[in-house]
Every structure is written in structure tokens, then in C-alpha cells.
Amino acid sequence: MSLIGSGFLTIFSFVFLISIVVVIHELGHYWAGRFCGVHAETFSMGFGPTLVSWRDKRGTVWRVAALPLGGYVKFLGDAGAASEPDADKLALLREQMGEAADRCYHFKPIWQRAFITAAGPIANFILAIFIFASHALIFGDEQVQPVIGFVQPGSPSEAAGFEIGDRIVRVGNREISGFMDISQALFDRANDTVSIDVERDGALITLVATPQRVAQEDRFGGTRNVGQIGIGPFYEPVIGMVVEESRGAAAGFRAGDRVVSVDGQTVETFGQFNTLIGERDGELTILVERDGSQLEIIADPVPLADIDRRNHAALERLGLGNELVLRQHQSFTLLTAPVEGARMVWTTVTSTASYVGRIVSGRSSPEYLNGPIGIATAAGQVAHVAVDDADSVVEGAGNLLRRLIFVAGFLSVGLGLVNLLPIPILDGGHLVYYAYEAVARRPLSMKAQALGFRVGLVFVLGLMLVATWNDLNYLLGQIF
């Protein structure tokens, strides 16, 4: 794909994602306001100069603006930093509005103002549940079973006592249903002590490991520091791929061969085969099973000194890849799909909240926070994978839409959760003000609210600076 085409795809994907989650967020506020009888003066999709606008029968101006990077809804009387003006300001406002005051945001009961404020994040969570539930209903869920087939020598997993055949059922407080869940639960836990529950020989035991920080390169040339304990999924010792003109091909390996032993040492998983290949230099005697018979193959791998990663020794030294067989496909019905959607939202919320808590307590680094640049980069990467993996334009467009909508589910959860943080300027900060008003039976002074707004603005801008710094570090890593 050309540089121009690549850039367009990234920009399109970013705008698509931001537009969906922000417009749904603002529609949540809008519909809650209508339910409570509050007049919405303006609903804007985007910012900046107006491209198209119209006025509906309720008097709301709907506009599409030139910068499609979000949107907003403006209610009657909703202006300024204060969640609720003081008594004098309210009296003056009511006098100025006359009968229209009944449709003014500030003259509604506390519970209605709180409901309107909370409706934005709630709409984001509902959108995410709908997206995840629809995906589960249409495509189901296919995951690699969380059964350990490889324990890296000298790794945290070996030190913790993990064994081949262990089934991981929980990492910390997170339930595990597939191997990807393990990676997601550990990626931001480097150097942090983690309790991991595993099933072994019918019994449930708890192991404690400290993930190590590993620089992991993605397919786009970028590098992320992630937490890993040095385990791999359970692969049968079956050759799934033989690279042409490799030393494995020259030795006579074929796809479908089942490895029985290496130099007389029995092999039960592909991980064991990989480990043995990574430990021995010189010629290897490998016994395989083919078409019901056993065959001895003498192989001369690439010298250990000439490879970069011993974790992939079979591939790098012999050109042999594995065949994954321990996959599980789960289908969902109209009744179970919403439950799965809600489970995914809850898992995302709890893992994100846990990470934020560890940042506050100093147990985790904020290096995983991403801003608009990071979101745009991720959106572009997802889009490129969708298009590159397709055999036709139609298939590429379908893949792109499907994957972007799925990512929008996670982004929607993130937006909803961030907006509930008790920080003035965000929805959560306004809810804190309303809680104070409910208890004290009077709103916080406008001076105090304005001060909180400024402090909240500084805090949010600080977070954005950290996130942007992380984004730039990642991009520079791709370039250099």
C-alpha cells in the first residue's frame, strides 16, 4: 500500500472510531435530557465551522462540523464551568428565562441532572455491550485453550513452579478463558507479584510469579515493554509448516510429521521440541511418526550462534513451524450473547481500573497510557491488518468494518470509564458536585466549582501530555 493510501486509511479509521464513541456518548446525554424535559439547544457532530445544519421540530439545531473529532450537546442554561450556579445566579437566570426556565438544565432536580450527566458514560457501556454481544452472536468466540505447553528455562514461570499441562484459570482477580486473556492480564504487571490459579491433576493450586519486562516487537516495527512469565500454549508436537529450502526441508521433514523424540529424549509437546532444538548444537537425530510408521531423520540445524531467538529455535534453525490444535470455539445464542457482551465490558472495566489503581499507588508505570496519536496508530494498524489479509476489495472492506467496530467497543468502554473519574471537567466530577449538593442541600460555591474546574483541566492536560509522550516514543521506535 502506498504511503498516501496508508495515511488515508489510518486517518479514516481514527475518525470513524472517535465519531462513533463520542457521538453515542453525547446522544446518551441528549436522550436523558429529553426524558427529563430539558431543551437541547445544539447537538454538534464535530467541531469548528458548520458544514450542514438543520433545526428539528423541538427547536434543537443539529449540525455537522468540519472537524470530525467528536461532538457535543448544549442544553438550555448549560454554560460555564459550574455544575450548578449559586442561588443569586439561579434567581437571575430564572427571571431572565421566564417560562422557559422549566426546560432549563439548572432548574431540574438533582437526580435528573445527575442522570443526564451519567447517561453519557452509560451510553458508552451499552454500546460496548451491544458490539461485543453482536460479535459473539455472529462470529462466536475461538480461543487457544489456556493450557501450558512450554515453560521457558530460567523464566519467572519456571521459578514459580509452572508445569507443562497446567491449565490457568485465574490471573489475579481475572478469570481466564483463553491464552490471550493471560497475555492481557500480565502485560502491564512487569515486576509486580501476581497470584495465578492453575488446575493440575484435578486439583486447584495457586502459584506466585513476578512477570519480567520484555521488549516485544509488533508486526509494524514498533516495540512495547510488556510483562511476561515465559510460558507458551499447548501445541501438539506436529509439524504444521516446513519452510522451502530450509534445513528441515533438506533433511526430509513434511507437514503432518509427529515428533516422537530428539536424540532419544521423548517429546510430548511442540514447546519441548522447540526447547531441545534450542539446546543442542550439531547434528540431531529426530524420530517422527508419518502415516502410521516411525521414521528417523538426521538434521543439521543452523548453528545456535547464528540465531536471534531460542524461543523459536525450531523455526529459525530448521524452518519448522507448529500446528495448533488446542482451540476451542464457543457459539452464542440471543440469550447468552448479551451476557458475553456484558462480561467483556466488565472485564475491560476492572482490568483498566486495576491498572489505574496501580499507577496511583506507584506499582505500575503510566507508560501504557495512550492519547489520540496512540489511538490513531492502533486504528491504522487494525485497518492495515484487515485490508492486507483480504483477497478482494469487498472482503477487505468487510474485514475493516468488522474489526473497527469491535475496537470501537473497547474504546467506548475506555471513554465511559474515563468520564466517570471524579475529576472536575469530566462527568464524574460533576457527579461529585451533585453528591455534595444532595448532602449539603446547597450547591458548592461557584468559586469553588471554578477552582475545581481549573485543577481538573490541569490534571487532564497532564495526563494528555504523558499519553502523547508515550505515543511519540512508540512512533519513534517504529522509525528508528
Protein backbone atom coordinates (compact mmCIF):
# COMPACT_ATOMS: atom_id res chain seq x y z
CA MET A 1 0.00 0.00 0.00
CA SER A 2 1.31 3.48 -0.87
CA LEU A 3 2.25 5.98 1.82
CA ILE A 4 -0.71 8.18 0.85
CA GLY A 5 -3.10 5.25 0.93
CA SER A 6 -1.72 4.09 4.26
CA GLY A 7 -2.11 7.56 5.76
CA PHE A 8 -5.67 7.89 4.46
CA LEU A 9 -6.62 4.51 5.93
CA THR A 10 -5.20 5.49 9.32
CA ILE A 11 -7.00 8.85 9.36
CA PHE A 12 -10.27 7.30 8.20
CA SER A 13 -10.11 4.59 10.86
CA PHE A 14 -9.31 7.08 13.62
CA VAL A 15 -12.12 9.45 12.65
CA PHE A 16 -14.54 6.52 12.34
CA LEU A 17 -13.74 5.24 15.84
CA ILE A 18 -13.78 8.63 17.56
CA SER A 19 -17.00 9.67 15.83
CA ILE A 20 -18.86 6.52 16.89
CA VAL A 21 -17.94 6.53 20.57
CA VAL A 22 -18.21 10.30 21.13
CA VAL A 23 -21.48 10.76 19.24
CA ILE A 24 -23.04 7.85 21.15
CA HIS A 25 -21.76 9.40 24.40
CA GLU A 26 -23.38 12.74 23.58
CA LEU A 27 -26.58 11.03 22.41
CA GLY A 28 -26.75 9.47 25.87
CA HIS A 29 -26.77 12.95 27.40
CA TYR A 30 -29.26 14.14 24.79
CA TRP A 31 -31.83 11.38 25.25
CA ALA A 32 -31.60 11.59 29.04
CA GLY A 33 -32.18 15.34 28.76
CA ARG A 34 -35.24 14.80 26.57
CA PHE A 35 -36.57 12.25 29.05
CA CYS A 36 -36.23 14.82 31.84
CA GLY A 37 -37.77 17.63 29.79
CA VAL A 38 -34.58 19.62 29.23
CA HIS A 39 -34.32 21.54 25.97
CA ALA A 40 -31.23 20.80 23.88
CA GLU A 41 -30.22 23.94 22.01
CA THR A 42 -27.50 22.34 19.87
CA PHE A 43 -26.24 18.88 19.01
CA SER A 44 -22.98 19.03 17.11
CA MET A 45 -21.23 16.18 15.35
CA GLY A 46 -17.70 17.53 15.14
CA PHE A 47 -16.16 20.89 15.96
CA GLY A 48 -15.30 24.05 14.05
CA PRO A 49 -17.15 25.64 11.12
CA THR A 50 -20.59 24.26 10.30
CA LEU A 51 -20.86 22.21 7.12
CA VAL A 52 -24.53 21.24 7.35
CA SER A 53 -27.19 22.16 9.91
CA TRP A 54 -30.93 21.87 10.42
CA ARG A 55 -33.45 22.63 13.15
CA ASP A 56 -35.88 19.94 14.28
CA LYS A 57 -39.46 20.49 15.47
CA ARG A 58 -38.29 20.76 19.09
CA GLY A 59 -36.00 23.65 18.23
CA THR A 60 -32.73 21.74 18.51
CA VAL A 61 -30.09 22.70 15.96
CA TRP A 62 -28.30 19.65 14.59
CA ARG A 63 -25.00 20.41 12.91
CA VAL A 64 -22.19 18.58 11.16
CA ALA A 65 -18.92 20.45 11.63
CA ALA A 66 -15.65 20.50 9.71
CA LEU A 67 -13.50 18.72 12.32
CA PRO A 68 -14.96 15.22 12.84
CA LEU A 69 -13.15 14.59 16.13
CA GLY A 70 -16.08 14.15 18.49
CA GLY A 71 -19.05 16.35 19.26
CA TYR A 72 -21.15 17.90 22.00
CA VAL A 73 -24.68 18.66 23.15
CA LYS A 74 -25.60 22.05 24.64
CA PHE A 75 -28.63 22.23 26.90
CA LEU A 76 -30.62 25.35 27.72
CA GLY A 77 -28.81 27.16 30.54
CA ASP A 78 -25.81 24.83 30.36
CA ALA A 79 -22.83 27.19 30.17
CA GLY A 80 -19.73 27.93 32.19
CA ALA A 81 -17.62 25.76 34.45
CA ALA A 82 -20.13 25.44 37.29
CA SER A 83 -22.25 22.32 37.57
CA GLU A 84 -24.81 24.44 39.38
CA PRO A 85 -24.77 28.26 39.77
CA ASP A 86 -25.23 29.73 43.24
CA ALA A 87 -28.61 30.96 44.49
CA ASP A 88 -28.20 34.53 43.24
CA LYS A 89 -27.19 33.42 39.77
CA LEU A 90 -30.08 30.95 39.64
CA ALA A 91 -32.59 33.62 40.66
CA LEU A 92 -31.33 35.97 37.97
CA LEU A 93 -31.34 33.19 35.39
CA ARG A 94 -34.94 32.21 36.23
CA GLU A 95 -36.05 35.83 35.95
CA GLN A 96 -34.40 36.18 32.56
CA MET A 97 -35.84 32.93 31.20
CA GLY A 98 -39.39 33.23 32.42
CA GLU A 99 -41.49 30.21 31.39
CA ALA A 100 -38.52 28.69 29.55
CA ALA A 101 -36.89 28.04 32.93
CA ASP A 102 -38.97 24.85 33.23
CA ARG A 103 -36.90 23.40 30.38
CA CYS A 104 -33.58 24.67 31.73
CA TYR A 105 -30.99 22.15 32.87
CA HIS A 106 -30.13 24.01 36.08
CA PHE A 107 -33.70 24.09 37.38
CA LYS A 108 -34.17 20.34 37.24
CA PRO A 109 -33.99 18.22 40.42
CA ILE A 110 -30.57 16.91 41.44
CA TRP A 111 -31.41 13.33 40.47
CA GLN A 112 -32.36 14.41 36.94
CA ARG A 113 -29.18 16.46 36.49
CA ALA A 114 -27.13 13.53 37.78
CA PHE A 115 -28.98 11.14 35.47
CA ILE A 116 -28.35 13.37 32.44
CA THR A 117 -24.67 13.62 33.36
CA ALA A 118 -24.23 9.88 33.92
CA ALA A 119 -26.15 8.97 30.75
CA GLY A 120 -23.15 9.68 28.52
CA PRO A 121 -20.87 7.05 30.09
CA ILE A 122 -23.83 4.68 30.45
CA ALA A 123 -24.49 5.00 26.71
CA ASN A 124 -20.85 4.08 26.05
CA PHE A 125 -21.16 0.93 28.16
CA ILE A 126 -24.43 -0.02 26.43
CA LEU A 127 -22.81 0.50 23.02
CA ALA A 128 -19.90 -1.73 24.02
CA ILE A 129 -22.21 -4.47 25.29
CA PHE A 130 -24.17 -4.31 22.02
CA ILE A 131 -20.99 -4.50 19.90
CA PHE A 132 -19.47 -7.39 21.85
CA ALA A 133 -22.79 -9.25 22.03
CA SER A 134 -23.37 -8.86 18.28
CA HIS A 135 -19.85 -10.06 17.53
CA ALA A 136 -20.31 -13.08 19.79
CA LEU A 137 -23.68 -13.92 18.23
CA ILE A 138 -22.48 -13.63 14.63
CA PHE A 139 -18.93 -14.95 14.82
CA GLY A 140 -18.76 -16.80 18.12
CA ASP A 141 -15.51 -16.93 20.03
CA GLU A 142 -12.46 -19.02 19.21
CA GLN A 143 -9.57 -19.07 21.64
CA VAL A 144 -6.44 -21.03 22.34
CA GLN A 145 -7.09 -23.03 25.49
CA PRO A 146 -5.07 -21.73 28.47
CA VAL A 147 -3.09 -24.95 28.81
CA ILE A 148 0.68 -24.59 29.22
CA GLY A 149 2.75 -26.42 26.63
CA PHE A 150 6.02 -24.59 27.10
CA VAL A 151 7.90 -23.30 30.16
CA GLN A 152 10.92 -21.22 29.24
CA PRO A 153 14.06 -22.26 31.13
CA GLY A 154 15.20 -19.61 33.60
CA SER A 155 11.92 -17.70 33.32
CA PRO A 156 9.60 -16.46 36.11
CA SER A 157 7.22 -19.32 35.28
CA GLU A 158 9.92 -21.93 35.91
CA ALA A 159 10.88 -20.22 39.17
CA ALA A 160 7.21 -20.16 40.23
CA GLY A 161 6.80 -23.90 39.59
CA PHE A 162 4.61 -23.99 36.48
CA GLU A 163 4.49 -27.30 34.63
CA ILE A 164 3.52 -28.41 31.14
CA GLY A 165 -0.15 -29.37 31.16
CA ASP A 166 -1.19 -26.81 33.79
CA ARG A 167 -4.47 -25.08 32.92
CA ILE A 168 -4.54 -21.45 34.03
CA VAL A 169 -7.97 -20.46 35.37
CA ARG A 170 -7.31 -17.10 37.03
CA VAL A 171 -4.64 -14.38 36.98
CA GLY A 172 -5.07 -12.10 39.97
CA ASN A 173 -8.82 -11.39 40.03
CA ARG A 174 -9.29 -12.00 36.31
CA GLU A 175 -11.00 -15.16 35.10
CA ILE A 176 -9.14 -16.81 32.21
CA SER A 177 -10.92 -18.46 29.29
CA GLY A 178 -8.16 -18.36 26.65
CA PHE A 179 -4.43 -17.84 26.28
CA MET A 180 -4.94 -14.28 25.06
CA ASP A 181 -6.55 -13.48 28.42
CA ILE A 182 -3.29 -14.45 30.13
CA SER A 183 -1.26 -12.07 27.98
CA GLN A 184 -3.74 -9.25 28.59
CA ALA A 185 -3.73 -9.85 32.33
CA LEU A 186 0.07 -9.75 32.56
CA PHE A 187 1.14 -7.15 30.00
CA ASP A 188 1.14 -4.23 32.49
CA ARG A 189 2.23 -6.26 35.54
CA ALA A 190 6.01 -6.31 34.95
CA ASN A 191 7.94 -6.59 38.25
CA ASP A 192 4.65 -6.92 40.15
CA THR A 193 3.87 -10.02 42.20
CA VAL A 194 0.90 -11.87 40.68
CA SER A 195 -1.12 -14.79 42.08
CA ILE A 196 -2.09 -17.31 39.39
CA ASP A 197 -4.55 -20.17 39.94
CA VAL A 198 -3.96 -23.32 37.88
CA GLU A 199 -5.61 -26.72 37.57
CA ARG A 200 -3.14 -29.60 37.86
CA ASP A 201 -4.10 -33.27 38.07
CA GLY A 202 -7.66 -32.35 39.06
CA ALA A 203 -6.61 -30.02 41.89
CA LEU A 204 -6.62 -26.22 42.04
CA ILE A 205 -3.34 -24.69 43.21
CA THR A 206 -2.08 -21.12 43.45
CA LEU A 207 1.34 -20.12 42.14
CA VAL A 208 3.01 -16.75 42.59
CA ALA A 209 5.09 -15.23 39.79
CA THR A 210 6.75 -11.90 39.07
CA PRO A 211 6.47 -11.09 35.34
CA GLN A 212 9.63 -9.76 33.75
CA ARG A 213 9.69 -6.74 31.48
CA VAL A 214 10.18 -7.84 27.87
CA ALA A 215 10.55 -5.59 24.82
CA GLN A 216 8.05 -7.04 22.35
CA GLU A 217 8.13 -6.06 18.69
CA ASP A 218 4.88 -5.95 16.76
CA ARG A 219 4.40 -6.60 13.06
CA PHE A 220 4.62 -2.86 12.33
CA GLY A 221 8.14 -2.39 13.70
CA GLY A 222 7.09 -0.80 16.98
CA THR A 223 8.23 -2.01 20.38
CA ARG A 224 6.22 -2.26 23.61
CA ASN A 225 7.51 -3.21 27.03
CA VAL A 226 5.20 -5.91 28.36
CA GLY A 227 5.08 -8.22 31.35
CA GLN A 228 5.67 -11.92 30.61
CA ILE A 229 6.35 -15.01 32.70
CA GLY A 230 7.77 -17.21 29.93
CA ILE A 231 5.01 -19.66 29.05
CA GLY A 232 3.51 -20.79 25.76
CA PRO A 233 0.29 -22.54 24.75
CA PHE A 234 -0.02 -26.29 24.34
CA TYR A 235 0.90 -27.36 20.84
CA GLU A 236 0.90 -30.99 19.82
CA PRO A 237 4.41 -31.98 18.56
CA VAL A 238 3.13 -31.94 14.99
CA ILE A 239 4.92 -30.18 12.14
CA GLY A 240 2.44 -27.79 10.57
CA MET A 241 4.77 -25.99 8.20
CA VAL A 242 8.12 -26.64 6.51
CA VAL A 243 9.84 -23.58 5.06
CA GLU A 244 11.03 -24.16 1.49
CA GLU A 245 14.80 -24.57 1.07
CA SER A 246 15.25 -24.70 4.85
CA ARG A 247 17.48 -27.22 6.61
CA GLY A 248 14.35 -29.01 7.80
CA ALA A 249 13.16 -29.38 4.21
CA ALA A 250 16.58 -30.64 3.17
CA ALA A 251 16.51 -33.23 5.96
CA GLY A 252 13.16 -34.59 4.72
CA PHE A 253 10.57 -33.22 7.16
CA ARG A 254 6.99 -32.96 5.92
CA ALA A 255 3.94 -31.13 7.22
CA GLY A 256 1.97 -33.55 9.38
CA ASP A 257 5.00 -35.33 10.85
CA ARG A 258 4.58 -36.00 14.59
CA VAL A 259 7.83 -35.65 16.51
CA VAL A 260 8.43 -38.60 18.86
CA SER A 261 11.92 -37.86 20.21
CA VAL A 262 15.08 -35.78 19.76
CA ASP A 263 18.36 -37.62 20.33
CA GLY A 264 16.42 -40.27 22.22
CA GLN A 265 14.60 -37.82 24.53
CA THR A 266 10.81 -38.19 24.35
CA VAL A 267 8.84 -35.20 23.08
CA GLU A 268 5.23 -34.61 24.17
CA THR A 269 4.64 -31.01 23.07
CA PHE A 270 5.96 -28.71 20.38
CA GLY A 271 7.30 -26.50 23.15
CA GLN A 272 9.52 -29.35 24.35
CA PHE A 273 10.67 -29.95 20.78
CA ASN A 274 11.49 -26.27 20.45
CA THR A 275 13.45 -26.28 23.72
CA LEU A 276 15.51 -29.31 22.71
CA ILE A 277 16.31 -27.78 19.33
CA GLY A 278 17.44 -24.63 21.12
CA GLU A 279 19.79 -26.52 23.45
CA ARG A 280 21.74 -28.76 21.07
CA ASP A 281 24.33 -27.79 18.50
CA GLY A 282 25.46 -30.08 15.71
CA GLU A 283 23.54 -32.91 14.02
CA LEU A 284 20.29 -34.08 15.60
CA THR A 285 18.59 -37.46 15.37
CA ILE A 286 14.86 -36.82 15.29
CA LEU A 287 12.31 -39.64 15.34
CA VAL A 288 8.98 -38.80 13.72
CA GLU A 289 5.75 -40.64 13.06
CA ARG A 290 4.43 -40.47 9.49
CA ASP A 291 1.48 -42.37 8.03
CA GLY A 292 1.46 -44.79 10.96
CA SER A 293 5.16 -45.62 10.75
CA GLN A 294 8.17 -44.22 12.57
CA LEU A 295 10.99 -42.60 10.61
CA GLU A 296 14.40 -41.43 11.81
CA ILE A 297 15.60 -38.11 10.35
CA ILE A 298 19.14 -36.78 10.66
CA ALA A 299 19.05 -32.97 10.65
CA ASP A 300 21.83 -30.39 10.59
CA PRO A 301 20.32 -27.17 12.04
CA VAL A 302 21.62 -23.63 11.70
CA PRO A 303 24.28 -23.12 14.44
CA LEU A 304 22.95 -21.68 17.69
CA ALA A 305 25.33 -18.74 17.41
CA ASP A 306 23.59 -17.65 14.19
CA ILE A 307 20.03 -17.35 15.54
CA ASP A 308 18.39 -14.48 17.43
CA ARG A 309 15.65 -16.18 19.45
CA ARG A 310 15.96 -19.61 21.03
CA ASN A 311 12.24 -19.48 21.83
CA HIS A 312 11.73 -20.03 18.08
CA ALA A 313 14.67 -22.38 17.53
CA ALA A 314 12.68 -24.95 15.52
CA LEU A 315 11.65 -22.29 13.04
CA GLU A 316 14.94 -20.37 12.92
CA ARG A 317 17.27 -23.40 12.87
CA LEU A 318 15.24 -25.91 10.85
CA GLY A 319 12.40 -23.92 9.27
CA LEU A 320 9.75 -25.99 11.07
CA GLY A 321 6.50 -24.46 12.32
CA ASN A 322 3.89 -25.95 14.59
CA GLU A 323 0.27 -26.93 14.16
CA LEU A 324 -2.06 -25.54 16.80
CA VAL A 325 -4.80 -27.99 17.71
CA LEU A 326 -5.97 -26.95 21.17
CA ARG A 327 -8.51 -24.38 20.04
CA GLN A 328 -11.98 -24.08 21.43
CA HIS A 329 -14.88 -22.49 19.54
CA GLN A 330 -17.86 -21.25 21.50
CA SER A 331 -21.17 -20.29 19.91
CA PHE A 332 -23.70 -17.94 21.48
CA THR A 333 -27.47 -17.53 21.32
CA LEU A 334 -29.70 -14.48 21.59
CA LEU A 335 -29.82 -15.12 25.34
CA THR A 336 -26.15 -15.84 26.01
CA ALA A 337 -24.60 -13.25 23.64
CA PRO A 338 -25.65 -10.24 25.78
CA VAL A 339 -24.20 -11.99 28.82
CA GLU A 340 -20.91 -12.42 26.96
CA GLY A 341 -21.02 -8.77 25.91
CA ALA A 342 -21.56 -7.65 29.50
CA ARG A 343 -18.76 -9.97 30.67
CA MET A 344 -16.31 -8.42 28.22
CA VAL A 345 -17.27 -4.91 29.30
CA TRP A 346 -16.89 -5.82 32.98
CA THR A 347 -13.50 -7.46 32.35
CA THR A 348 -12.29 -4.38 30.48
CA VAL A 349 -13.55 -2.03 33.21
CA THR A 350 -11.99 -4.00 36.07
CA SER A 351 -8.63 -4.50 34.34
CA THR A 352 -8.45 -0.81 33.41
CA ALA A 353 -9.46 0.30 36.90
CA SER A 354 -6.88 -2.06 38.38
CA TYR A 355 -4.16 -0.57 36.18
CA VAL A 356 -5.14 2.99 37.13
CA GLY A 357 -5.06 1.97 40.79
CA ARG A 358 -1.56 0.55 40.40
CA ILE A 359 -0.39 3.77 38.74
CA VAL A 360 -1.75 5.82 41.65
CA SER A 361 -0.08 3.51 44.17
CA GLY A 362 3.20 3.58 42.25
CA ARG A 363 3.18 -0.16 41.47
CA SER A 364 2.85 0.32 37.70
CA SER A 365 4.26 2.73 35.17
CA PRO A 366 1.97 5.06 33.19
CA GLU A 367 3.83 4.03 30.02
CA TYR A 368 0.77 2.16 28.72
CA LEU A 369 -1.44 5.26 28.67
CA ASN A 370 -2.25 6.29 25.11
CA GLY A 371 -3.57 9.52 23.67
CA PRO A 372 -5.08 10.48 20.31
CA ILE A 373 -1.84 9.65 18.47
CA GLY A 374 -1.77 6.19 20.04
CA ILE A 375 -5.43 5.60 19.23
CA ALA A 376 -4.85 6.70 15.63
CA THR A 377 -1.80 4.44 15.36
CA ALA A 378 -3.70 1.44 16.75
CA ALA A 379 -6.67 2.16 14.48
CA GLY A 380 -4.36 2.31 11.48
CA GLN A 381 -2.68 -0.95 12.43
CA VAL A 382 -6.01 -2.73 12.80
CA ALA A 383 -7.12 -1.34 9.45
CA HIS A 384 -3.94 -2.43 7.68
CA VAL A 385 -4.22 -5.96 9.04
CA ALA A 386 -7.85 -6.14 7.90
CA VAL A 387 -7.04 -4.94 4.39
CA ASP A 388 -3.77 -6.85 3.95
CA ASP A 389 -5.35 -10.16 4.96
CA ALA A 390 -8.13 -9.83 2.37
CA ASP A 391 -8.16 -11.35 -1.12
CA SER A 392 -10.51 -8.74 -2.61
CA VAL A 393 -11.69 -5.17 -2.10
CA VAL A 394 -15.08 -6.34 -0.86
CA GLU A 395 -13.53 -8.75 1.63
CA GLY A 396 -11.12 -6.04 2.76
CA ALA A 397 -13.95 -3.57 3.34
CA GLY A 398 -15.89 -6.17 5.31
CA ASN A 399 -12.86 -7.06 7.43
CA LEU A 400 -12.15 -3.37 8.03
CA LEU A 401 -15.68 -2.58 9.19
CA ARG A 402 -15.89 -5.65 11.40
CA ARG A 403 -12.56 -5.05 13.15
CA LEU A 404 -13.04 -1.31 13.59
CA ILE A 405 -16.46 -1.79 15.15
CA PHE A 406 -15.01 -4.40 17.52
CA VAL A 407 -12.23 -1.98 18.53
CA ALA A 408 -14.87 0.72 18.98
CA GLY A 409 -16.34 -1.46 21.72
CA PHE A 410 -13.13 -1.29 23.76
CA LEU A 411 -12.68 2.41 23.03
CA SER A 412 -16.26 3.06 24.13
CA VAL A 413 -15.63 1.32 27.46
CA GLY A 414 -12.50 3.40 27.92
CA LEU A 415 -14.30 6.67 27.18
CA GLY A 416 -17.14 5.81 29.54
CA LEU A 417 -14.78 4.83 32.33
CA VAL A 418 -12.53 7.88 31.96
CA ASN A 419 -15.53 10.20 32.03
CA LEU A 420 -16.64 8.70 35.34
CA LEU A 421 -13.37 9.63 37.05
CA PRO A 422 -14.14 12.09 39.89
CA ILE A 423 -12.25 14.92 38.20
CA PRO A 424 -13.89 18.32 37.70
CA ILE A 425 -14.32 18.95 33.94
CA LEU A 426 -15.35 15.30 33.44
CA ASP A 427 -18.82 13.83 34.01
CA GLY A 428 -17.57 12.14 37.18
CA GLY A 429 -16.51 15.49 38.62
CA HIS A 430 -19.98 16.93 38.05
CA LEU A 431 -21.48 13.89 39.76
CA VAL A 432 -19.27 14.60 42.79
CA TYR A 433 -20.59 18.17 42.86
CA TYR A 434 -24.17 16.89 42.72
CA ALA A 435 -23.46 14.46 45.55
CA TYR A 436 -22.19 17.37 47.66
CA GLU A 437 -25.29 19.38 46.78
CA ALA A 438 -27.55 16.49 47.79
CA VAL A 439 -25.83 16.12 51.18
CA ALA A 440 -25.30 19.82 51.97
CA ARG A 441 -28.67 20.84 50.45
CA ARG A 442 -26.95 23.62 48.55
CA PRO A 443 -24.56 23.66 45.59
CA LEU A 444 -20.87 24.14 46.05
CA SER A 445 -19.97 27.80 45.56
CA MET A 446 -19.30 28.88 42.00
CA LYS A 447 -15.83 29.99 43.08
CA ALA A 448 -15.03 26.50 44.43
CA GLN A 449 -16.50 24.84 41.34
CA ALA A 450 -14.48 27.07 39.02
CA LEU A 451 -11.31 26.32 41.01
CA GLY A 452 -12.04 22.60 40.76
CA PHE A 453 -12.58 23.01 37.04
CA ARG A 454 -9.17 24.64 36.59
CA VAL A 455 -7.44 21.99 38.72
CA GLY A 456 -9.21 19.25 36.77
CA LEU A 457 -8.22 20.85 33.48
CA VAL A 458 -4.55 20.93 34.54
CA PHE A 459 -4.77 17.29 35.64
CA VAL A 460 -6.36 16.14 32.38
CA LEU A 461 -3.85 18.13 30.32
CA GLY A 462 -1.06 16.49 32.33
CA LEU A 463 -2.46 13.04 31.53
CA MET A 464 -2.68 14.00 27.88
CA LEU A 465 0.97 15.09 27.89
CA VAL A 466 2.04 11.76 29.41
CA ALA A 467 -0.09 9.84 26.91
CA THR A 468 1.26 11.87 23.99
CA TRP A 469 4.82 11.28 25.18
CA ASN A 470 4.13 7.54 25.23
CA ASP A 471 2.64 7.73 21.74
CA LEU A 472 5.64 9.60 20.37
CA ASN A 473 8.07 7.16 21.97
CA TYR A 474 6.29 4.30 20.24
CA LEU A 475 6.25 6.07 16.88
CA LEU A 476 9.93 6.99 17.14
CA GLY A 477 10.65 3.35 17.94
CA GLN A 478 8.98 2.37 14.67
CA ILE A 479 11.05 4.88 12.69
CA PHE A 480 14.42 4.36 14.35
